[in-house]
Amino acid sequence: MSCPTEATPRLDRRQLRAPTENGRWLVLPEWEQLPQLVQCNQQQLQTQEGELAGVPLARLRSEARRQLLEAAWHYTRQYRDADPPGEPQAVLLAGHQPELFHPGVWFKNAVLDAAARRVGAAAVNLVIDSDVMHRTLVPAPAGERHHPRRAWVELDRPLAEEVPLELRRVADVECFTSFGTRLAQTVRSLVPRPLVEAFWPVVLERFQATDHLGAALAQGRHAWEGLWGWQTLELPQSRVCSLPAFAYLVAHLVWHAPEFHRVYNQAVLDYRRRKRLRSRTHPSPLLGREGDWYELPFWTYTHTEPVRRGLWVRRAGAALELSDRAGWHEEAPTPRGGSFAALAERIHHWQQQGRRIRTRALLTTLWARLVLGDVFLHGIGGAKYDEVTEQIAREFFRLGLPEPMVATATVWLPGARRTVTAEQLGRLKHLLHQLQWQPERFLPAEQKRRPAAELQRLLEEKQRLLAEPSSPARHEQLEALRRQLLRWVEPQRRQLETQLAQLEQRREAESVLTYREYPFCVFEEQTLRDFFLAFPPRSA
């Protein structure tokens, strides 16, 4: 069955907004279009001609997917039951850092599982453990329902230097071990039975087995998904980058470093210009250049030197040199006769010996979408930034990437609601402003009909002054009259200010309760289960 180009379900990035109401999700393209999306993506990939590092793309994809699925199955069954992937109809992928993310991110995993079941696919969630943990404090709701506040609960002590999560151990074991108890105590008055009470012992069990913070969080969460019946596999991105097929991507970019460097930086600059971004870090920092050395979008580090540094490349005569520009330096064989095999083998050998080479964000999804899977499932941020990835693929590889999916959701705390609107606040502020500058408009009806002699004098004086030509003296007199008139509406002013303060207090309380970034383990299990079980909708 053919898939005409115009029939391919397309991601409309104009719709990339997180739901603003409780219990709502966003899935793009529409869920009903999933089978067609997979079919069209597969046809696009199958008809693409080209090669990467001298290997035809079709052969590289086949080998890379075989390695991915085998590695993901072996990894997953270390800590939970998992069926072997067999020969799936498709490969679906998603990915996120190993952290305590909010339910909207977890919703991606639910969609990944449901999508794989629907189209007979293997589903692999990539644990992006080449990132660092930027924050060790976890947001949590605290206080009473009528006076809630946002608190921060420490997960672990921060490190002096940022270490990639694949190597990050727990700095304060007592702090990490007691986190579940402390988080539950913090939220108890608002969430009587938070998931963390049952979930944290699972995390600690994985911590005892792995001795690494990120692995404990991710494996604990994935083990819990197994209890719910989700059948996805998982694999850390560090292990994806250690597979033999991945070395061919590194080899290809190393050999074509000047051209890839130019295309990558231009794509980032074009995105910033389109989106009017001034940040030098979004969507990604520009790659550096020092003379004939070119930086590529890989991190490199070792177990003994875990600080992430860029991978730099240069050609020096007939030699090819790689370095982190901080002490590590290696020569590599140049491709001969169009074959990159020796170069790829050398790169893979370095990885086996402990020299880690890991993708940065844009390259992570480029490899996943171009080679590893038929559909990649993004969150909103990743989908926006992948505009850059798509431009890189078009201009460097001369290839289009298969269409992605997007999924996210919004879940509030039990009983949370929004009753205060910006319009209500704006109306009260406008009334206060009017009262301040035109107090006579807010006089009680009785005072307007029968004003006291003093008030009558002030009103008549203001009317007389308003009829005169404008002048500095007139302005000063009107200002003095305004201050005198304000005394006659002091009760009304106090009433409006009280109403505004009460409304702002209610809005602040509601914003605490409807905050969508609380970690999933803050919520009651039943709240999450009911939400996830509602997807996919029965009409689909």
Protein backbone atom coordinates (compact mmCIF):
# COMPACT_ATOMS: atom_id res chain seq x y z
CA MET A 1 0.00 0.00 0.00
CA SER A 2 1.58 3.25 -1.10
CA CYS A 3 1.68 6.43 0.96
CA PRO A 4 1.40 9.60 -1.14
CA THR A 5 3.52 12.42 0.20
CA GLU A 6 0.49 14.65 0.67
CA ALA A 7 -1.17 11.92 2.77
CA THR A 8 1.62 11.72 5.35
CA PRO A 9 0.37 12.95 8.74
CA ARG A 10 2.36 16.09 9.53
CA LEU A 11 3.25 17.64 12.83
CA ASP A 12 1.80 21.15 13.07
CA ARG A 13 4.21 22.92 15.42
CA ARG A 14 1.77 25.79 15.83
CA GLN A 15 -0.23 23.46 18.09
CA LEU A 16 2.69 22.79 20.44
CA ARG A 17 1.22 24.13 23.67
CA ALA A 18 0.82 22.22 26.90
CA PRO A 19 -2.83 21.77 27.95
CA THR A 20 -3.92 24.41 30.43
CA GLU A 21 -6.69 22.37 32.08
CA ASN A 22 -6.49 19.39 34.41
CA GLY A 23 -6.66 15.91 32.92
CA ARG A 24 -6.09 17.02 29.35
CA TRP A 25 -3.52 15.65 26.95
CA LEU A 26 -1.97 16.66 23.66
CA VAL A 27 -1.10 14.00 21.07
CA LEU A 28 0.07 15.04 17.61
CA PRO A 29 -0.56 13.96 14.92
CA GLU A 30 -3.99 12.72 15.94
CA TRP A 31 -4.06 9.26 17.54
CA GLU A 32 -6.26 7.92 14.75
CA GLN A 33 -3.47 8.71 12.27
CA LEU A 34 -0.84 6.56 14.01
CA PRO A 35 -0.96 3.53 11.65
CA GLN A 36 -0.74 5.81 8.63
CA LEU A 37 2.13 7.75 10.23
CA VAL A 38 4.13 4.57 10.82
CA GLN A 39 3.44 3.29 7.31
CA CYS A 40 4.42 6.56 5.63
CA ASN A 41 7.57 6.92 7.72
CA GLN A 42 8.62 3.37 6.89
CA GLN A 43 8.07 3.93 3.21
CA GLN A 44 10.10 7.13 3.35
CA LEU A 45 12.98 5.34 5.08
CA GLN A 46 12.86 2.34 2.74
CA THR A 47 13.00 4.48 -0.39
CA GLN A 48 15.81 6.74 0.80
CA GLU A 49 19.05 6.18 -0.99
CA GLY A 50 22.37 7.11 0.49
CA GLU A 51 25.04 5.97 2.80
CA LEU A 52 26.65 6.93 6.06
CA ALA A 53 30.37 6.32 6.55
CA GLY A 54 30.43 4.22 3.41
CA VAL A 55 27.61 1.92 4.55
CA PRO A 56 24.25 1.94 2.73
CA LEU A 57 21.63 3.44 5.03
CA ALA A 58 19.31 0.44 4.70
CA ARG A 59 22.01 -1.93 5.92
CA LEU A 60 23.12 0.42 8.71
CA ARG A 61 19.54 0.84 9.92
CA SER A 62 18.95 -2.89 9.98
CA GLU A 63 22.10 -3.57 11.97
CA ALA A 64 21.66 -0.60 14.31
CA ARG A 65 18.07 -1.60 15.15
CA ARG A 66 19.06 -5.19 15.77
CA GLN A 67 21.79 -4.02 18.16
CA LEU A 68 19.41 -1.54 19.84
CA LEU A 69 16.61 -4.03 20.49
CA GLU A 70 18.94 -6.75 21.69
CA ALA A 71 20.74 -4.37 24.05
CA ALA A 72 17.45 -2.87 25.32
CA TRP A 73 16.01 -6.31 26.08
CA HIS A 74 19.12 -7.48 27.93
CA TYR A 75 19.26 -4.22 29.87
CA THR A 76 15.57 -4.19 30.83
CA ARG A 77 15.44 -7.78 32.03
CA GLN A 78 18.15 -7.00 34.61
CA TYR A 79 15.46 -5.45 36.80
CA ARG A 80 12.01 -6.48 35.46
CA ASP A 81 10.34 -9.02 33.22
CA ALA A 82 10.50 -8.26 29.52
CA ASP A 83 9.54 -10.27 26.48
CA PRO A 84 12.15 -10.51 23.71
CA PRO A 85 11.31 -8.10 20.89
CA GLY A 86 11.27 -10.76 18.16
CA GLU A 87 10.69 -9.25 14.72
CA PRO A 88 8.44 -6.23 15.31
CA GLN A 89 6.50 -4.45 12.58
CA ALA A 90 8.16 -1.17 13.55
CA VAL A 91 10.40 0.46 16.15
CA LEU A 92 9.00 3.37 18.18
CA LEU A 93 11.25 5.52 20.36
CA ALA A 94 11.01 8.17 23.06
CA GLY A 95 13.51 9.57 25.51
CA HIS A 96 14.07 11.67 28.60
CA GLN A 97 16.60 12.32 31.32
CA PRO A 98 16.53 9.95 34.34
CA GLU A 99 14.83 12.27 36.77
CA LEU A 100 11.62 12.67 38.74
CA PHE A 101 9.71 14.34 35.93
CA HIS A 102 6.12 15.55 36.02
CA PRO A 103 3.12 13.43 34.93
CA GLY A 104 3.00 15.14 31.54
CA VAL A 105 6.40 13.66 30.71
CA TRP A 106 5.41 10.26 32.09
CA PHE A 107 2.39 10.40 29.80
CA LYS A 108 4.82 10.00 26.86
CA ASN A 109 5.70 6.53 28.15
CA ALA A 110 2.03 5.61 28.36
CA VAL A 111 1.51 6.76 24.77
CA LEU A 112 4.65 4.89 23.67
CA ASP A 113 3.30 1.66 25.17
CA ALA A 114 -0.18 2.13 23.69
CA ALA A 115 1.22 3.05 20.26
CA ALA A 116 3.48 -0.02 20.15
CA ARG A 117 0.54 -2.30 20.99
CA ARG A 118 -1.61 -0.69 18.32
CA VAL A 119 0.83 -1.15 15.42
CA GLY A 120 2.70 -4.27 16.56
CA ALA A 121 5.92 -2.36 17.22
CA ALA A 122 8.80 -2.64 19.64
CA ALA A 123 8.97 0.39 21.92
CA VAL A 124 12.22 1.65 23.43
CA ASN A 125 12.54 4.58 25.81
CA LEU A 126 16.03 6.08 25.73
CA VAL A 127 17.30 7.17 29.14
CA ILE A 128 19.37 10.27 28.36
CA ASP A 129 22.10 9.72 30.94
CA SER A 130 24.77 11.75 29.14
CA ASP A 131 23.11 14.87 30.60
CA VAL A 132 23.97 16.27 34.00
CA MET A 133 21.70 16.85 36.99
CA HIS A 134 21.27 20.61 37.07
CA ARG A 135 19.07 20.68 40.18
CA THR A 136 18.97 18.44 43.24
CA LEU A 137 15.95 20.19 44.78
CA VAL A 138 12.52 18.79 43.91
CA PRO A 139 9.40 21.01 43.96
CA ALA A 140 6.55 19.90 46.21
CA PRO A 141 3.24 21.37 47.43
CA ALA A 142 3.11 22.11 51.14
CA GLY A 143 0.94 23.90 53.69
CA GLU A 144 -2.84 23.74 53.98
CA ARG A 145 -5.33 23.71 51.15
CA HIS A 146 -6.45 27.30 51.81
CA HIS A 147 -2.88 28.50 52.32
CA PRO A 148 -0.65 26.26 50.21
CA ARG A 149 2.93 27.05 49.32
CA ARG A 150 5.59 25.58 47.09
CA ALA A 151 8.41 23.87 48.93
CA TRP A 152 11.67 22.29 47.80
CA VAL A 153 12.80 18.89 49.01
CA GLU A 154 16.44 17.91 48.63
CA LEU A 155 17.05 14.73 46.64
CA ASP A 156 20.82 14.68 47.05
CA ARG A 157 23.65 17.01 47.86
CA PRO A 158 24.88 18.89 44.75
CA LEU A 159 28.35 18.07 43.45
CA ALA A 160 31.19 20.56 43.11
CA GLU A 161 31.50 19.64 39.41
CA GLU A 162 28.71 18.51 37.11
CA VAL A 163 29.08 14.84 36.24
CA PRO A 164 27.09 13.04 33.52
CA LEU A 165 24.32 10.96 35.01
CA GLU A 166 25.75 7.70 33.69
CA LEU A 167 28.63 8.23 36.15
CA ARG A 168 26.92 10.22 38.91
CA ARG A 169 26.83 8.45 42.23
CA VAL A 170 24.80 9.60 45.22
CA ALA A 171 26.73 12.23 47.12
CA ASP A 172 24.73 12.00 50.37
CA VAL A 173 23.31 8.52 50.90
CA GLU A 174 21.33 9.51 54.00
CA CYS A 175 19.72 12.41 52.13
CA PHE A 176 18.85 10.23 49.13
CA THR A 177 17.56 7.36 51.26
CA SER A 178 15.30 9.60 53.35
CA PHE A 179 13.96 11.55 50.37
CA GLY A 180 10.77 9.48 50.07
CA THR A 181 9.87 9.98 53.73
CA ARG A 182 10.65 13.70 53.66
CA LEU A 183 8.67 14.28 50.45
CA ALA A 184 5.66 12.38 51.81
CA GLN A 185 5.74 14.41 55.02
CA THR A 186 5.93 17.65 53.05
CA VAL A 187 2.86 16.94 50.91
CA ARG A 188 0.80 14.97 53.45
CA SER A 189 -1.73 17.70 54.23
CA LEU A 190 -2.54 18.09 50.53
CA VAL A 191 -1.91 14.56 49.21
CA PRO A 192 -2.66 11.99 51.95
CA ARG A 193 -1.20 8.95 50.10
CA PRO A 194 1.49 10.10 47.67
CA LEU A 195 2.93 7.50 45.32
CA VAL A 196 6.42 8.16 46.67
CA GLU A 197 5.63 6.09 49.79
CA ALA A 198 5.40 2.89 47.76
CA PHE A 199 7.65 3.97 44.92
CA TRP A 200 10.74 5.04 46.86
CA PRO A 201 11.53 1.56 48.25
CA VAL A 202 11.67 0.34 44.63
CA VAL A 203 14.13 3.15 43.81
CA LEU A 204 16.28 2.27 46.81
CA GLU A 205 16.34 -1.37 45.76
CA ARG A 206 17.67 -0.30 42.36
CA PHE A 207 20.13 2.03 44.06
CA GLN A 208 21.55 -0.90 45.99
CA ALA A 209 21.93 -2.79 42.71
CA THR A 210 23.35 0.03 40.55
CA ASP A 211 25.02 2.49 42.95
CA HIS A 212 24.08 5.30 40.54
CA LEU A 213 21.48 7.98 41.08
CA GLY A 214 20.12 8.24 37.51
CA ALA A 215 19.94 4.47 37.01
CA ALA A 216 18.11 4.03 40.34
CA LEU A 217 15.49 6.64 39.42
CA ALA A 218 14.95 5.38 35.87
CA GLN A 219 14.92 1.68 36.70
CA GLY A 220 12.63 2.24 39.67
CA ARG A 221 10.18 4.15 37.50
CA HIS A 222 10.38 1.60 34.67
CA ALA A 223 9.89 -1.28 37.12
CA TRP A 224 6.74 0.47 38.34
CA GLU A 225 5.52 0.74 34.76
CA GLY A 226 5.91 -3.04 34.56
CA LEU A 227 3.55 -3.38 37.53
CA TRP A 228 1.00 -1.40 35.51
CA GLY A 229 1.45 -3.68 32.52
CA TRP A 230 3.39 -1.37 30.24
CA GLN A 231 5.63 -3.40 27.93
CA THR A 232 8.22 -0.90 26.72
CA LEU A 233 11.94 -1.59 26.81
CA GLU A 234 14.52 0.91 28.03
CA LEU A 235 18.15 1.58 27.27
CA PRO A 236 20.45 4.34 28.52
CA GLN A 237 21.75 6.62 25.77
CA SER A 238 25.26 5.87 27.04
CA ARG A 239 24.75 2.26 25.91
CA VAL A 240 23.26 3.35 22.60
CA CYS A 241 26.45 5.31 21.99
CA SER A 242 28.51 2.22 22.86
CA LEU A 243 26.92 0.03 20.18
CA PRO A 244 29.12 -0.80 17.16
CA ALA A 245 26.74 0.83 14.65
CA PHE A 246 26.98 4.17 16.44
CA ALA A 247 30.71 4.35 15.70
CA TYR A 248 29.84 4.83 12.03
CA LEU A 249 27.97 8.06 12.82
CA VAL A 250 30.99 9.34 14.75
CA ALA A 251 33.33 8.30 11.94
CA HIS A 252 31.20 10.02 9.29
CA LEU A 253 31.04 13.32 11.17
CA VAL A 254 34.70 13.21 12.16
CA TRP A 255 35.74 12.86 8.52
CA HIS A 256 33.33 15.58 7.35
CA ALA A 257 33.84 17.83 10.37
CA PRO A 258 34.30 21.21 8.57
CA GLU A 259 31.12 20.83 6.52
CA PHE A 260 29.04 19.44 9.39
CA HIS A 261 30.33 22.21 11.67
CA ARG A 262 29.17 24.85 9.16
CA VAL A 263 25.72 23.29 8.62
CA TYR A 264 25.11 22.72 12.34
CA ASN A 265 25.97 26.27 13.41
CA GLN A 266 23.96 27.80 10.57
CA ALA A 267 20.91 25.73 11.51
CA VAL A 268 21.15 26.91 15.12
CA LEU A 269 21.54 30.55 14.04
CA ASP A 270 18.61 30.29 11.61
CA TYR A 271 16.40 28.91 14.39
CA ARG A 272 17.38 31.70 16.79
CA ARG A 273 16.62 34.29 14.14
CA ARG A 274 13.22 32.78 13.31
CA LYS A 275 12.24 32.53 16.98
CA ARG A 276 13.94 35.81 17.95
CA LEU A 277 16.03 34.10 20.62
CA ARG A 278 18.95 35.96 22.15
CA SER A 279 20.15 33.09 24.32
CA ARG A 280 23.51 31.60 23.39
CA THR A 281 22.53 28.23 24.82
CA HIS A 282 19.16 27.68 23.08
CA PRO A 283 18.42 25.53 21.28
CA SER A 284 22.10 24.59 21.57
CA PRO A 285 25.43 26.43 21.93
CA LEU A 286 27.32 27.00 18.70
CA LEU A 287 30.16 24.61 17.99
CA GLY A 288 33.61 26.07 18.50
CA ARG A 289 36.53 26.42 16.14
CA GLU A 290 40.18 27.02 16.95
CA GLY A 291 42.34 27.26 13.86
CA ASP A 292 42.02 23.97 12.00
CA TRP A 293 40.34 22.28 14.99
CA TYR A 294 36.56 21.83 14.70
CA GLU A 295 34.24 21.00 17.59
CA LEU A 296 31.53 18.37 16.98
CA PRO A 297 28.28 17.91 18.98
CA PHE A 298 29.59 15.01 21.07
CA TRP A 299 30.62 14.90 24.72
CA THR A 300 33.70 12.96 25.65
CA TYR A 301 34.89 11.92 29.11
CA THR A 302 36.12 8.92 31.06
CA HIS A 303 35.31 7.25 34.35
CA THR A 304 38.39 8.80 35.99
CA GLU A 305 37.88 12.21 34.32
CA PRO A 306 34.09 12.54 34.27
CA VAL A 307 33.78 16.23 33.35
CA ARG A 308 32.12 16.53 29.94
CA ARG A 309 34.18 18.18 27.23
CA GLY A 310 33.56 18.70 23.54
CA LEU A 311 35.00 16.41 20.90
CA TRP A 312 37.41 18.26 18.59
CA VAL A 313 38.72 17.08 15.24
CA ARG A 314 41.30 18.17 12.71
CA ARG A 315 43.07 16.82 9.69
CA ALA A 316 46.84 17.21 9.85
CA GLY A 317 48.23 16.16 6.51
CA ALA A 318 47.32 12.52 6.03
CA ALA A 319 46.50 12.11 9.71
CA LEU A 320 43.16 12.50 11.47
CA GLU A 321 43.32 13.75 15.05
CA LEU A 322 40.70 13.72 17.82
CA SER A 323 40.98 15.55 21.12
CA ASP A 324 39.03 17.02 24.04
CA ARG A 325 41.46 19.98 24.05
CA ALA A 326 42.23 19.25 27.68
CA GLY A 327 44.79 16.46 27.58
CA TRP A 328 43.28 13.61 25.62
CA HIS A 329 44.59 13.28 22.08
CA GLU A 330 44.45 10.40 19.59
CA GLU A 331 45.26 9.79 15.96
CA ALA A 332 42.83 7.79 13.85
CA PRO A 333 43.04 6.06 10.47
CA THR A 334 41.65 8.02 7.54
CA PRO A 335 39.05 6.37 5.28
CA ARG A 336 40.53 4.50 2.32
CA GLY A 337 38.70 3.62 -0.84
CA GLY A 338 35.44 4.98 0.58
CA SER A 339 35.57 2.58 3.55
CA PHE A 340 35.25 3.96 7.06
CA ALA A 341 35.44 0.53 8.70
CA ALA A 342 38.91 1.00 10.20
CA LEU A 343 38.01 4.44 11.57
CA ALA A 344 34.71 3.15 13.03
CA GLU A 345 36.48 0.17 14.59
CA ARG A 346 39.06 2.45 16.21
CA ILE A 347 36.32 4.67 17.65
CA HIS A 348 34.43 1.65 18.96
CA HIS A 349 37.67 0.33 20.45
CA TRP A 350 38.21 3.58 22.34
CA GLN A 351 34.69 3.30 23.74
CA GLN A 352 35.34 -0.27 24.91
CA GLN A 353 38.53 0.94 26.59
CA GLY A 354 36.64 3.62 28.53
CA ARG A 355 36.82 6.72 26.32
CA ARG A 356 33.15 7.71 26.27
CA ILE A 357 31.80 9.56 23.23
CA ARG A 358 28.18 10.63 23.69
CA THR A 359 25.72 12.61 21.57
CA ARG A 360 24.50 16.02 22.59
CA ALA A 361 20.78 16.79 22.43
CA LEU A 362 20.22 17.58 18.74
CA LEU A 363 22.41 14.71 17.59
CA THR A 364 20.66 12.30 19.95
CA THR A 365 17.34 12.70 18.14
CA LEU A 366 18.97 12.96 14.71
CA TRP A 367 20.50 9.47 15.16
CA ALA A 368 17.24 8.14 16.61
CA ARG A 369 15.05 9.51 13.81
CA LEU A 370 17.43 8.87 10.92
CA VAL A 371 18.55 5.35 11.86
CA LEU A 372 17.12 3.78 15.01
CA GLY A 373 13.36 4.10 14.76
CA ASP A 374 10.33 4.59 12.55
CA VAL A 375 8.69 7.16 14.83
CA PHE A 376 10.24 9.25 17.59
CA LEU A 377 7.88 10.51 20.31
CA HIS A 378 8.80 13.98 21.55
CA GLY A 379 7.66 16.28 24.31
CA ILE A 380 6.89 19.88 23.38
CA GLY A 381 10.41 21.26 23.91
CA GLY A 382 12.11 18.51 21.94
CA ALA A 383 9.65 18.87 19.06
CA LYS A 384 10.30 22.60 18.82
CA TYR A 385 14.07 22.23 18.84
CA ASP A 386 13.97 19.37 16.34
CA GLU A 387 13.31 21.95 13.65
CA VAL A 388 17.07 22.43 13.85
CA THR A 389 17.70 18.69 13.58
CA GLU A 390 15.55 18.52 10.46
CA GLN A 391 17.44 21.36 8.82
CA ILE A 392 20.77 19.64 9.59
CA ALA A 393 19.49 16.40 8.06
CA ARG A 394 18.31 18.17 4.91
CA GLU A 395 21.44 20.23 4.35
CA PHE A 396 24.15 17.84 5.50
CA PHE A 397 22.81 14.35 4.84
CA ARG A 398 20.52 15.52 2.00
CA LEU A 399 17.77 13.48 3.63
CA GLY A 400 14.40 14.18 5.18
CA LEU A 401 13.68 12.77 8.61
CA PRO A 402 10.53 10.70 9.24
CA GLU A 403 7.73 12.60 10.94
CA PRO A 404 7.78 12.59 14.75
CA MET A 405 4.95 12.38 17.26
CA VAL A 406 4.38 14.65 20.26
CA ALA A 407 2.69 13.81 23.53
CA THR A 408 2.28 15.71 26.77
CA ALA A 409 -0.39 16.21 29.41
CA THR A 410 -1.41 18.28 32.41
CA VAL A 411 -2.35 16.76 35.77
CA TRP A 412 -3.20 18.80 38.86
CA LEU A 413 -3.31 17.87 42.51
CA PRO A 414 -6.60 16.40 43.78
CA GLY A 415 -9.27 19.06 44.23
CA ALA A 416 -7.23 21.78 42.51
CA ARG A 417 -9.11 24.24 40.37
CA ARG A 418 -8.83 27.72 38.89
CA THR A 419 -11.58 30.17 39.79
CA VAL A 420 -9.69 33.47 39.60
CA THR A 421 -9.17 34.85 36.13
CA ALA A 422 -6.82 37.52 34.84
CA GLU A 423 -9.92 39.44 33.73
CA GLN A 424 -11.23 39.58 37.31
CA LEU A 425 -7.93 40.89 38.60
CA GLY A 426 -7.65 43.37 35.76
CA ARG A 427 -11.13 44.70 36.40
CA LEU A 428 -10.42 45.38 40.10
CA LYS A 429 -7.07 47.00 39.34
CA HIS A 430 -8.77 49.20 36.75
CA LEU A 431 -11.43 50.27 39.27
CA LEU A 432 -8.76 51.15 41.82
CA HIS A 433 -6.93 53.18 39.21
CA GLN A 434 -10.14 55.04 38.32
CA LEU A 435 -10.89 55.67 41.99
CA GLN A 436 -7.41 57.10 42.49
CA TRP A 437 -7.78 59.65 39.67
CA GLN A 438 -11.54 60.25 39.57
CA PRO A 439 -12.72 59.73 43.15
CA GLU A 440 -16.00 61.64 42.61
CA ARG A 441 -17.23 58.78 40.37
CA PHE A 442 -17.17 56.42 43.38
CA LEU A 443 -19.19 58.54 45.80
CA PRO A 444 -22.21 56.72 47.27
CA ALA A 445 -25.49 57.50 45.50
CA GLU A 446 -26.87 59.39 48.53
CA GLN A 447 -23.80 61.67 48.67
CA LYS A 448 -24.14 62.37 44.97
CA ARG A 449 -27.81 63.41 45.42
CA ARG A 450 -27.29 65.40 48.62
CA PRO A 451 -23.61 66.21 49.04
CA ALA A 452 -22.40 67.81 52.24
CA ALA A 453 -21.51 71.46 51.96
CA GLU A 454 -17.75 70.79 51.99
CA LEU A 455 -18.08 68.05 49.36
CA GLN A 456 -20.32 70.26 47.26
CA ARG A 457 -17.68 72.99 47.36
CA LEU A 458 -14.95 70.57 46.21
CA LEU A 459 -17.05 69.24 43.34
CA GLU A 460 -17.97 72.74 42.13
CA GLU A 461 -14.35 73.88 42.39
CA LYS A 462 -13.19 70.93 40.28
CA GLN A 463 -15.77 71.67 37.60
CA ARG A 464 -14.67 75.30 37.52
CA LEU A 465 -11.02 74.36 37.13
CA LEU A 466 -11.76 71.81 34.40
CA ALA A 467 -13.39 74.59 32.38
CA GLU A 468 -10.23 76.75 32.52
CA PRO A 469 -7.31 76.48 30.10
CA SER A 470 -4.58 74.06 31.07
CA SER A 471 -1.67 75.48 33.05
CA PRO A 472 0.81 74.35 35.73
CA ALA A 473 -1.15 76.25 38.39
CA ARG A 474 -4.41 74.61 37.29
CA HIS A 475 -2.75 71.18 37.42
CA GLU A 476 -1.53 71.77 40.99
CA GLN A 477 -4.98 72.90 42.11
CA LEU A 478 -6.66 69.89 40.54
CA GLU A 479 -4.15 67.57 42.20
CA ALA A 480 -4.90 69.16 45.59
CA LEU A 481 -8.63 68.74 45.00
CA ARG A 482 -8.14 65.10 44.01
CA ARG A 483 -6.38 64.34 47.29
CA GLN A 484 -9.18 66.03 49.24
CA LEU A 485 -11.88 64.12 47.34
CA LEU A 486 -10.10 60.81 48.06
CA ARG A 487 -10.94 61.24 51.74
CA TRP A 488 -14.64 61.03 50.85
CA VAL A 489 -14.23 57.61 49.17
CA GLU A 490 -11.81 56.06 51.65
CA PRO A 491 -14.24 53.21 52.58
CA GLN A 492 -14.70 52.34 48.91
CA ARG A 493 -10.93 52.32 48.35
CA ARG A 494 -10.35 50.02 51.34
CA GLN A 495 -13.09 47.69 50.12
CA LEU A 496 -11.61 47.42 46.61
CA GLU A 497 -8.10 46.88 47.98
CA THR A 498 -9.38 44.14 50.29
CA GLN A 499 -11.19 42.44 47.41
CA LEU A 500 -8.05 42.63 45.25
CA ALA A 501 -5.83 41.24 48.02
CA GLN A 502 -8.23 38.36 48.64
CA LEU A 503 -8.43 37.60 44.94
CA GLU A 504 -4.65 37.67 44.53
CA GLN A 505 -4.26 35.39 47.55
CA ARG A 506 -6.74 32.94 46.07
CA ARG A 507 -4.99 33.06 42.73
CA GLU A 508 -1.61 32.40 44.34
CA ALA A 509 -3.04 29.42 46.24
CA GLU A 510 -4.62 28.07 43.07
CA SER A 511 -1.34 28.48 41.17
CA VAL A 512 0.41 26.33 43.79
CA LEU A 513 -2.20 23.59 43.53
CA THR A 514 -2.43 23.67 39.71
CA TYR A 515 1.34 23.74 39.10
CA ARG A 516 2.02 21.04 36.47
CA GLU A 517 5.74 20.55 37.18
CA TYR A 518 5.48 18.56 40.42
CA PRO A 519 7.17 15.16 40.11
CA PHE A 520 4.86 12.25 39.38
CA CYS A 521 5.59 10.59 42.75
CA VAL A 522 3.88 13.51 44.56
CA PHE A 523 0.50 12.37 43.23
CA GLU A 524 -1.64 9.52 44.49
CA GLU A 525 -1.25 6.37 42.45
CA GLN A 526 -4.96 6.15 41.73
CA THR A 527 -4.98 9.68 40.30
CA LEU A 528 -2.25 8.75 37.84
CA ARG A 529 -3.66 5.32 37.03
CA ASP A 530 -7.11 6.72 36.28
CA PHE A 531 -5.56 9.34 34.01
CA PHE A 532 -3.29 6.95 32.12
CA LEU A 533 -6.00 4.31 31.75
CA ALA A 534 -8.20 6.88 30.01
CA PHE A 535 -5.74 6.82 27.10
CA PRO A 536 -6.21 5.97 24.33
CA PRO A 537 -9.77 7.31 24.12
CA ARG A 538 -12.32 4.59 23.41
CA SER A 539 -13.43 6.31 20.23
CA ALA A 540 -9.93 5.60 18.84
